[in-house]
Amino acid sequence: MSDITQALEQVITSLIAEGKEPSVALIKARLADPLPMPVIIRALQAWKKNAKVPNIQKTEPTLNTEARIKQLEQQVAELTIRLARLEKI
């Protein structure tokens, strides 16, 4: 189970122990590390449906456009060199 899942379960459990109905706002306010609203909403919906928080993993951010273009240009250059070597054979 991921740290995010554990944190969400802990917050929801503590709210229930206090006799409060878990809500997105209460969960967001109690989390030590901020999470995107869609993640909190999904976790709360799953908990209300199954009394269980789904396993939520942190993903790596995608490259910005400039970094992606630079990476693709480098790949094209490497493939061009490789193709030229193959054509010589």
PDB file of N, CA and C in Angstrom:
ATOM      1  N   MET A   1       0.849  -1.182   0.000  1.00  0.00           N
ATOM      2  CA  MET A   1       0.000   0.000   0.000  1.00  0.00           C
ATOM      3  C   MET A   1       0.891   1.240   0.000  1.00  0.00           C
ATOM      4  N   SER A   2       0.540   2.209  -0.822  1.00  0.00           N
ATOM      5  CA  SER A   2       1.368   3.406  -0.954  1.00  0.00           C
ATOM      6  C   SER A   2       1.170   4.355   0.224  1.00  0.00           C
ATOM      7  N   ASP A   3       2.108   5.292   0.350  1.00  0.00           N
ATOM      8  CA  ASP A   3       2.026   6.298   1.416  1.00  0.00           C
ATOM      9  C   ASP A   3       0.779   7.165   1.262  1.00  0.00           C
ATOM     10  N   ILE A   4       0.424   7.453   0.013  1.00  0.00           N
ATOM     11  CA  ILE A   4      -0.751   8.290  -0.245  1.00  0.00           C
ATOM     12  C   ILE A   4      -2.010   7.566   0.221  1.00  0.00           C
ATOM     13  N   THR A   5      -2.117   6.286  -0.109  1.00  0.00           N
ATOM     14  CA  THR A   5      -3.277   5.493   0.292  1.00  0.00           C
ATOM     15  C   THR A   5      -3.362   5.423   1.813  1.00  0.00           C
ATOM     16  N   GLN A   6      -2.237   5.180   2.455  1.00  0.00           N
ATOM     17  CA  GLN A   6      -2.212   5.097   3.912  1.00  0.00           C
ATOM     18  C   GLN A   6      -2.624   6.416   4.555  1.00  0.00           C
ATOM     19  N   ALA A   7      -2.128   7.517   4.005  1.00  0.00           N
ATOM     20  CA  ALA A   7      -2.472   8.830   4.552  1.00  0.00           C
ATOM     21  C   ALA A   7      -3.970   9.093   4.426  1.00  0.00           C
ATOM     22  N   LEU A   8      -4.541   8.767   3.259  1.00  0.00           N
ATOM     23  CA  LEU A   8      -5.970   8.974   3.054  1.00  0.00           C
ATOM     24  C   LEU A   8      -6.794   8.100   3.999  1.00  0.00           C
ATOM     25  N   GLU A   9      -6.399   6.830   4.139  1.00  0.00           N
ATOM     26  CA  GLU A   9      -7.123   5.942   5.052  1.00  0.00           C
ATOM     27  C   GLU A   9      -7.039   6.436   6.487  1.00  0.00           C
ATOM     28  N   GLN A  10      -5.876   6.911   6.881  1.00  0.00           N
ATOM     29  CA  GLN A  10      -5.686   7.411   8.243  1.00  0.00           C
ATOM     30  C   GLN A  10      -6.571   8.624   8.514  1.00  0.00           C
ATOM     31  N   VAL A  11      -6.631   9.531   7.557  1.00  0.00           N
ATOM     32  CA  VAL A  11      -7.457  10.730   7.718  1.00  0.00           C
ATOM     33  C   VAL A  11      -8.932  10.348   7.804  1.00  0.00           C
ATOM     34  N   ILE A  12      -9.384   9.478   6.914  1.00  0.00           N
ATOM     35  CA  ILE A  12     -10.790   9.063   6.917  1.00  0.00           C
ATOM     36  C   ILE A  12     -11.129   8.348   8.220  1.00  0.00           C
ATOM     37  N   THR A  13     -10.237   7.470   8.671  1.00  0.00           N
ATOM     38  CA  THR A  13     -10.467   6.741   9.917  1.00  0.00           C
ATOM     39  C   THR A  13     -10.535   7.693  11.106  1.00  0.00           C
ATOM     40  N   SER A  14      -9.671   8.684  11.131  1.00  0.00           N
ATOM     41  CA  SER A  14      -9.687   9.636  12.251  1.00  0.00           C
ATOM     42  C   SER A  14     -10.961  10.478  12.234  1.00  0.00           C
ATOM     43  N   LEU A  15     -11.434  10.836  11.044  1.00  0.00           N
ATOM     44  CA  LEU A  15     -12.689  11.595  10.961  1.00  0.00           C
ATOM     45  C   LEU A  15     -13.860  10.761  11.485  1.00  0.00           C
ATOM     46  N   ILE A  16     -13.906   9.504  11.103  1.00  0.00           N
ATOM     47  CA  ILE A  16     -14.989   8.623  11.571  1.00  0.00           C
ATOM     48  C   ILE A  16     -14.907   8.438  13.074  1.00  0.00           C
ATOM     49  N   ALA A  17     -13.677   8.285  13.600  1.00  0.00           N
ATOM     50  CA  ALA A  17     -13.495   8.123  15.044  1.00  0.00           C
ATOM     51  C   ALA A  17     -13.999   9.340  15.811  1.00  0.00           C
ATOM     52  N   GLU A  18     -13.935  10.495  15.188  1.00  0.00           N
ATOM     53  CA  GLU A  18     -14.424  11.728  15.810  1.00  0.00           C
ATOM     54  C   GLU A  18     -15.927  11.916  15.597  1.00  0.00           C
ATOM     55  N   GLY A  19     -16.539  10.982  14.878  1.00  0.00           N
ATOM     56  CA  GLY A  19     -17.977  11.073  14.630  1.00  0.00           C
ATOM     57  C   GLY A  19     -18.333  12.014  13.493  1.00  0.00           C
ATOM     58  N   LYS A  20     -17.362  12.332  12.652  1.00  0.00           N
ATOM     59  CA  LYS A  20     -17.605  13.244  11.531  1.00  0.00           C
ATOM     60  C   LYS A  20     -17.743  12.451  10.237  1.00  0.00           C
ATOM     61  N   GLU A  21     -18.580  12.930   9.338  1.00  0.00           N
ATOM     62  CA  GLU A  21     -18.738  12.333   8.019  1.00  0.00           C
ATOM     63  C   GLU A  21     -17.588  12.827   7.142  1.00  0.00           C
ATOM     64  N   PRO A  22     -16.752  11.926   6.614  1.00  0.00           N
ATOM     65  CA  PRO A  22     -15.638  12.367   5.759  1.00  0.00           C
ATOM     66  C   PRO A  22     -16.146  13.121   4.530  1.00  0.00           C
ATOM     67  N   SER A  23     -15.512  14.220   4.246  1.00  0.00           N
ATOM     68  CA  SER A  23     -15.832  15.003   3.059  1.00  0.00           C
ATOM     69  C   SER A  23     -14.517  15.423   2.407  1.00  0.00           C
ATOM     70  N   VAL A  24     -14.597  15.864   1.182  1.00  0.00           N
ATOM     71  CA  VAL A  24     -13.397  16.287   0.461  1.00  0.00           C
ATOM     72  C   VAL A  24     -12.700  17.420   1.226  1.00  0.00           C
ATOM     73  N   ALA A  25     -13.465  18.370   1.690  1.00  0.00           N
ATOM     74  CA  ALA A  25     -12.876  19.513   2.397  1.00  0.00           C
ATOM     75  C   ALA A  25     -12.188  19.080   3.694  1.00  0.00           C
ATOM     76  N   LEU A  26     -12.830  18.216   4.472  1.00  0.00           N
ATOM     77  CA  LEU A  26     -12.223  17.759   5.726  1.00  0.00           C
ATOM     78  C   LEU A  26     -10.964  16.936   5.469  1.00  0.00           C
ATOM     79  N   ILE A  27     -11.025  16.087   4.465  1.00  0.00           N
ATOM     80  CA  ILE A  27      -9.861  15.263   4.144  1.00  0.00           C
ATOM     81  C   ILE A  27      -8.713  16.154   3.687  1.00  0.00           C
ATOM     82  N   LYS A  28      -8.994  17.076   2.777  1.00  0.00           N
ATOM     83  CA  LYS A  28      -7.962  17.980   2.254  1.00  0.00           C
ATOM     84  C   LYS A  28      -7.320  18.786   3.384  1.00  0.00           C
ATOM     85  N   ALA A  29      -8.128  19.239   4.324  1.00  0.00           N
ATOM     86  CA  ALA A  29      -7.622  20.053   5.430  1.00  0.00           C
ATOM     87  C   ALA A  29      -6.706  19.265   6.361  1.00  0.00           C
ATOM     88  N   ARG A  30      -6.931  17.969   6.472  1.00  0.00           N
ATOM     89  CA  ARG A  30      -6.151  17.164   7.413  1.00  0.00           C
ATOM     90  C   ARG A  30      -4.924  16.487   6.804  1.00  0.00           C
ATOM     91  N   LEU A  31      -4.811  16.483   5.517  1.00  0.00           N
ATOM     92  CA  LEU A  31      -3.659  15.841   4.892  1.00  0.00           C
ATOM     93  C   LEU A  31      -2.386  16.644   5.145  1.00  0.00           C
ATOM     94  N   ALA A  32      -1.317  15.953   5.488  1.00  0.00           N
ATOM     95  CA  ALA A  32      -0.035  16.622   5.719  1.00  0.00           C
ATOM     96  C   ALA A  32       0.545  17.140   4.406  1.00  0.00           C
ATOM     97  N   ASP A  33       0.439  16.338   3.355  1.00  0.00           N
ATOM     98  CA  ASP A  33       0.918  16.736   2.034  1.00  0.00           C
ATOM     99  C   ASP A  33      -0.280  16.960   1.128  1.00  0.00           C
ATOM    100  N   PRO A  34      -0.302  18.063   0.402  1.00  0.00           N
ATOM    101  CA  PRO A  34      -1.469  18.333  -0.459  1.00  0.00           C
ATOM    102  C   PRO A  34      -1.577  17.312  -1.587  1.00  0.00           C
ATOM    103  N   LEU A  35      -2.815  16.983  -1.917  1.00  0.00           N
ATOM    104  CA  LEU A  35      -3.109  16.084  -3.031  1.00  0.00           C
ATOM    105  C   LEU A  35      -4.085  16.773  -3.969  1.00  0.00           C
ATOM    106  N   PRO A  36      -4.046  16.423  -5.247  1.00  0.00           N
ATOM    107  CA  PRO A  36      -5.011  17.006  -6.186  1.00  0.00           C
ATOM    108  C   PRO A  36      -6.440  16.613  -5.794  1.00  0.00           C
ATOM    109  N   MET A  37      -7.363  17.517  -6.017  1.00  0.00           N
ATOM    110  CA  MET A  37      -8.768  17.277  -5.667  1.00  0.00           C
ATOM    111  C   MET A  37      -9.326  16.002  -6.306  1.00  0.00           C
ATOM    112  N   PRO A  38      -9.034  15.720  -7.586  1.00  0.00           N
ATOM    113  CA  PRO A  38      -9.582  14.488  -8.178  1.00  0.00           C
ATOM    114  C   PRO A  38      -9.144  13.220  -7.440  1.00  0.00           C
ATOM    115  N   VAL A  39      -7.932  13.225  -6.887  1.00  0.00           N
ATOM    116  CA  VAL A  39      -7.451  12.063  -6.136  1.00  0.00           C
ATOM    117  C   VAL A  39      -8.255  11.901  -4.850  1.00  0.00           C
ATOM    118  N   ILE A  40      -8.484  13.000  -4.165  1.00  0.00           N
ATOM    119  CA  ILE A  40      -9.254  12.953  -2.917  1.00  0.00           C
ATOM    120  C   ILE A  40     -10.687  12.530  -3.205  1.00  0.00           C
ATOM    121  N   ILE A  41     -11.272  13.076  -4.249  1.00  0.00           N
ATOM    122  CA  ILE A  41     -12.655  12.735  -4.611  1.00  0.00           C
ATOM    123  C   ILE A  41     -12.758  11.251  -4.941  1.00  0.00           C
ATOM    124  N   ARG A  42     -11.821  10.744  -5.734  1.00  0.00           N
ATOM    125  CA  ARG A  42     -11.845   9.325  -6.109  1.00  0.00           C
ATOM    126  C   ARG A  42     -11.712   8.428  -4.883  1.00  0.00           C
ATOM    127  N   ALA A  43     -10.812   8.797  -3.972  1.00  0.00           N
ATOM    128  CA  ALA A  43     -10.608   8.008  -2.755  1.00  0.00           C
ATOM    129  C   ALA A  43     -11.860   8.022  -1.888  1.00  0.00           C
ATOM    130  N   LEU A  44     -12.484   9.182  -1.747  1.00  0.00           N
ATOM    131  CA  LEU A  44     -13.690   9.291  -0.926  1.00  0.00           C
ATOM    132  C   LEU A  44     -14.841   8.499  -1.534  1.00  0.00           C
ATOM    133  N   GLN A  45     -15.001   8.585  -2.840  1.00  0.00           N
ATOM    134  CA  GLN A  45     -16.060   7.821  -3.513  1.00  0.00           C
ATOM    135  C   GLN A  45     -15.851   6.325  -3.334  1.00  0.00           C
ATOM    136  N   ALA A  46     -14.615   5.868  -3.486  1.00  0.00           N
ATOM    137  CA  ALA A  46     -14.322   4.444  -3.316  1.00  0.00           C
ATOM    138  C   ALA A  46     -14.563   4.014  -1.875  1.00  0.00           C
ATOM    139  N   TRP A  47     -14.187   4.863  -0.940  1.00  0.00           N
ATOM    140  CA  TRP A  47     -14.401   4.530   0.468  1.00  0.00           C
ATOM    141  C   TRP A  47     -15.892   4.430   0.785  1.00  0.00           C
ATOM    142  N   LYS A  48     -16.688   5.375   0.273  1.00  0.00           N
ATOM    143  CA  LYS A  48     -18.131   5.342   0.523  1.00  0.00           C
ATOM    144  C   LYS A  48     -18.771   4.107  -0.101  1.00  0.00           C
ATOM    145  N   LYS A  49     -18.245   3.660  -1.228  1.00  0.00           N
ATOM    146  CA  LYS A  49     -18.818   2.510  -1.922  1.00  0.00           C
ATOM    147  C   LYS A  49     -18.366   1.186  -1.307  1.00  0.00           C
ATOM    148  N   ASN A  50     -17.082   1.066  -0.982  1.00  0.00           N
ATOM    149  CA  ASN A  50     -16.518  -0.204  -0.534  1.00  0.00           C
ATOM    150  C   ASN A  50     -15.906  -0.176   0.864  1.00  0.00           C
ATOM    151  N   ALA A  51     -15.960   0.941   1.521  1.00  0.00           N
ATOM    152  CA  ALA A  51     -15.300   1.122   2.822  1.00  0.00           C
ATOM    153  C   ALA A  51     -13.804   0.827   2.712  1.00  0.00           C
ATOM    154  N   LYS A  52     -13.246   1.159   1.553  1.00  0.00           N
ATOM    155  CA  LYS A  52     -11.827   0.924   1.309  1.00  0.00           C
ATOM    156  C   LYS A  52     -11.304   1.998   0.363  1.00  0.00           C
ATOM    157  N   VAL A  53     -10.098   2.491   0.643  1.00  0.00           N
ATOM    158  CA  VAL A  53      -9.456   3.477  -0.225  1.00  0.00           C
ATOM    159  C   VAL A  53      -8.631   2.712  -1.256  1.00  0.00           C
ATOM    160  N   PRO A  54      -8.772   3.034  -2.552  1.00  0.00           N
ATOM    161  CA  PRO A  54      -7.983   2.332  -3.567  1.00  0.00           C
ATOM    162  C   PRO A  54      -6.503   2.672  -3.434  1.00  0.00           C
ATOM    163  N   ASN A  55      -5.660   1.782  -3.932  1.00  0.00           N
ATOM    164  CA  ASN A  55      -4.228   2.023  -3.900  1.00  0.00           C
ATOM    165  C   ASN A  55      -3.896   3.134  -4.892  1.00  0.00           C
ATOM    166  N   ILE A  56      -3.347   4.226  -4.388  1.00  0.00           N
ATOM    167  CA  ILE A  56      -3.034   5.390  -5.216  1.00  0.00           C
ATOM    168  C   ILE A  56      -1.523   5.555  -5.255  1.00  0.00           C
ATOM    169  N   GLN A  57      -0.976   5.580  -6.457  1.00  0.00           N
ATOM    170  CA  GLN A  57       0.469   5.712  -6.655  1.00  0.00           C
ATOM    171  C   GLN A  57       0.798   7.107  -7.158  1.00  0.00           C
ATOM    172  N   LYS A  58       1.937   7.595  -6.759  1.00  0.00           N
ATOM    173  CA  LYS A  58       2.414   8.880  -7.254  1.00  0.00           C
ATOM    174  C   LYS A  58       3.086   8.646  -8.603  1.00  0.00           C
ATOM    175  N   THR A  59       2.717   9.425  -9.592  1.00  0.00           N
ATOM    176  CA  THR A  59       3.298   9.276 -10.918  1.00  0.00           C
ATOM    177  C   THR A  59       4.336  10.363 -11.163  1.00  0.00           C
ATOM    178  N   GLU A  60       5.245  10.041 -12.042  1.00  0.00           N
ATOM    179  CA  GLU A  60       6.259  11.012 -12.417  1.00  0.00           C
ATOM    180  C   GLU A  60       5.634  12.053 -13.351  1.00  0.00           C
ATOM    181  N   PRO A  61       5.978  13.299 -13.167  1.00  0.00           N
ATOM    182  CA  PRO A  61       5.418  14.317 -14.056  1.00  0.00           C
ATOM    183  C   PRO A  61       5.902  14.122 -15.486  1.00  0.00           C
ATOM    184  N   THR A  62       5.061  14.446 -16.426  1.00  0.00           N
ATOM    185  CA  THR A  62       5.450  14.312 -17.825  1.00  0.00           C
ATOM    186  C   THR A  62       6.380  15.459 -18.202  1.00  0.00           C
ATOM    187  N   LEU A  63       7.165  15.229 -19.234  1.00  0.00           N
ATOM    188  CA  LEU A  63       8.105  16.251 -19.688  1.00  0.00           C
ATOM    189  C   LEU A  63       7.347  17.418 -20.306  1.00  0.00           C
ATOM    190  N   ASN A  64       7.897  18.602 -20.148  1.00  0.00           N
ATOM    191  CA  ASN A  64       7.283  19.748 -20.810  1.00  0.00           C
ATOM    192  C   ASN A  64       7.587  19.662 -22.304  1.00  0.00           C
ATOM    193  N   THR A  65       6.959  20.480 -23.073  1.00  0.00           N
ATOM    194  CA  THR A  65       7.070  20.414 -24.528  1.00  0.00           C
ATOM    195  C   THR A  65       8.514  20.579 -25.001  1.00  0.00           C
ATOM    196  N   GLU A  66       9.225  21.546 -24.452  1.00  0.00           N
ATOM    197  CA  GLU A  66      10.606  21.795 -24.890  1.00  0.00           C
ATOM    198  C   GLU A  66      11.502  20.597 -24.586  1.00  0.00           C
ATOM    199  N   ALA A  67      11.374  20.022 -23.408  1.00  0.00           N
ATOM    200  CA  ALA A  67      12.200  18.868 -23.041  1.00  0.00           C
ATOM    201  C   ALA A  67      11.869  17.672 -23.919  1.00  0.00           C
ATOM    202  N   ARG A  68      10.601  17.501 -24.211  1.00  0.00           N
ATOM    203  CA  ARG A  68      10.182  16.385 -25.062  1.00  0.00           C
ATOM    204  C   ARG A  68      10.720  16.558 -26.493  1.00  0.00           C
ATOM    205  N   ILE A  69      10.658  17.775 -27.023  1.00  0.00           N
ATOM    206  CA  ILE A  69      11.182  18.041 -28.370  1.00  0.00           C
ATOM    207  C   ILE A  69      12.685  17.782 -28.408  1.00  0.00           C
ATOM    208  N   LYS A  70      13.388  18.243 -27.390  1.00  0.00           N
ATOM    209  CA  LYS A  70      14.842  18.036 -27.336  1.00  0.00           C
ATOM    210  C   LYS A  70      15.161  16.540 -27.301  1.00  0.00           C
ATOM    211  N   GLN A  71      14.416  15.783 -26.505  1.00  0.00           N
ATOM    212  CA  GLN A  71      14.610  14.342 -26.413  1.00  0.00           C
ATOM    213  C   GLN A  71      14.341  13.670 -27.762  1.00  0.00           C
ATOM    214  N   LEU A  72      13.281  14.067 -28.426  1.00  0.00           N
ATOM    215  CA  LEU A  72      12.943  13.492 -29.734  1.00  0.00           C
ATOM    216  C   LEU A  72      13.982  13.860 -30.789  1.00  0.00           C
ATOM    217  N   GLU A  73      14.481  15.092 -30.767  1.00  0.00           N
ATOM    218  CA  GLU A  73      15.516  15.502 -31.716  1.00  0.00           C
ATOM    219  C   GLU A  73      16.783  14.672 -31.530  1.00  0.00           C
ATOM    220  N   GLN A  74      17.143  14.411 -30.292  1.00  0.00           N
ATOM    221  CA  GLN A  74      18.318  13.601 -30.007  1.00  0.00           C
ATOM    222  C   GLN A  74      18.106  12.173 -30.524  1.00  0.00           C
ATOM    223  N   GLN A  75      16.918  11.644 -30.315  1.00  0.00           N
ATOM    224  CA  GLN A  75      16.605  10.301 -30.788  1.00  0.00           C
ATOM    225  C   GLN A  75      16.659  10.227 -32.318  1.00  0.00           C
ATOM    226  N   VAL A  76      16.138  11.235 -32.992  1.00  0.00           N
ATOM    227  CA  VAL A  76      16.178  11.273 -34.463  1.00  0.00           C
ATOM    228  C   VAL A  76      17.628  11.338 -34.939  1.00  0.00           C
ATOM    229  N   ALA A  77      18.442  12.142 -34.292  1.00  0.00           N
ATOM    230  CA  ALA A  77      19.853  12.246 -34.683  1.00  0.00           C
ATOM    231  C   ALA A  77      20.559  10.902 -34.524  1.00  0.00           C
ATOM    232  N   GLU A  78      20.323  10.216 -33.407  1.00  0.00           N
ATOM    233  CA  GLU A  78      20.942   8.905 -33.178  1.00  0.00           C
ATOM    234  C   GLU A  78      20.478   7.892 -34.220  1.00  0.00           C
ATOM    235  N   LEU A  79      19.195   7.912 -34.546  1.00  0.00           N
ATOM    236  CA  LEU A  79      18.660   6.977 -35.541  1.00  0.00           C
ATOM    237  C   LEU A  79      19.187   7.288 -36.940  1.00  0.00           C
ATOM    238  N   THR A  80      19.390   8.561 -37.242  1.00  0.00           N
ATOM    239  CA  THR A  80      19.938   8.951 -38.539  1.00  0.00           C
ATOM    240  C   THR A  80      21.359   8.418 -38.697  1.00  0.00           C
ATOM    241  N   ILE A  81      22.167   8.554 -37.664  1.00  0.00           N
ATOM    242  CA  ILE A  81      23.540   8.030 -37.685  1.00  0.00           C
ATOM    243  C   ILE A  81      23.513   6.513 -37.851  1.00  0.00           C
ATOM    244  N   ARG A  82      22.657   5.871 -37.117  1.00  0.00           N
ATOM    245  CA  ARG A  82      22.540   4.416 -37.194  1.00  0.00           C
ATOM    246  C   ARG A  82      22.115   3.963 -38.596  1.00  0.00           C
ATOM    247  N   LEU A  83      21.165   4.673 -39.185  1.00  0.00           N
ATOM    248  CA  LEU A  83      20.707   4.349 -40.535  1.00  0.00           C
ATOM    249  C   LEU A  83      21.831   4.537 -41.557  1.00  0.00           C
ATOM    250  N   ALA A  84      22.607   5.600 -41.393  1.00  0.00           N
ATOM    251  CA  ALA A  84      23.715   5.852 -42.309  1.00  0.00           C
ATOM    252  C   ALA A  84      24.750   4.725 -42.224  1.00  0.00           C
ATOM    253  N   ARG A  85      25.015   4.250 -41.028  1.00  0.00           N
ATOM    254  CA  ARG A  85      25.957   3.141 -40.854  1.00  0.00           C
ATOM    255  C   ARG A  85      25.412   1.875 -41.522  1.00  0.00           C
ATOM    256  N   LEU A  86      24.131   1.613 -41.374  1.00  0.00           N
ATOM    257  CA  LEU A  86      23.525   0.425 -41.977  1.00  0.00           C
ATOM    258  C   LEU A  86      23.533   0.496 -43.495  1.00  0.00           C
ATOM    259  N   GLU A  87      23.357   1.680 -44.043  1.00  0.00           N
ATOM    260  CA  GLU A  87      23.361   1.836 -45.497  1.00  0.00           C
ATOM    261  C   GLU A  87      24.743   1.606 -46.102  1.00  0.00           C
ATOM    262  N   LYS A  88      25.814   1.824 -45.327  1.00  0.00           N
ATOM    263  CA  LYS A  88      27.177   1.605 -45.796  1.00  0.00           C
ATOM    264  C   LYS A  88      27.496   0.123 -45.928  1.00  0.00           C
ATOM    265  N   ILE A  89      26.794  -0.698 -45.180  1.00  0.00           N
ATOM    266  CA  ILE A  89      27.075  -2.146 -45.167  1.00  0.00           C
ATOM    267  C   ILE A  89      26.593  -2.813 -46.413  1.00  0.00           C
TER     268      ILE A  89
END
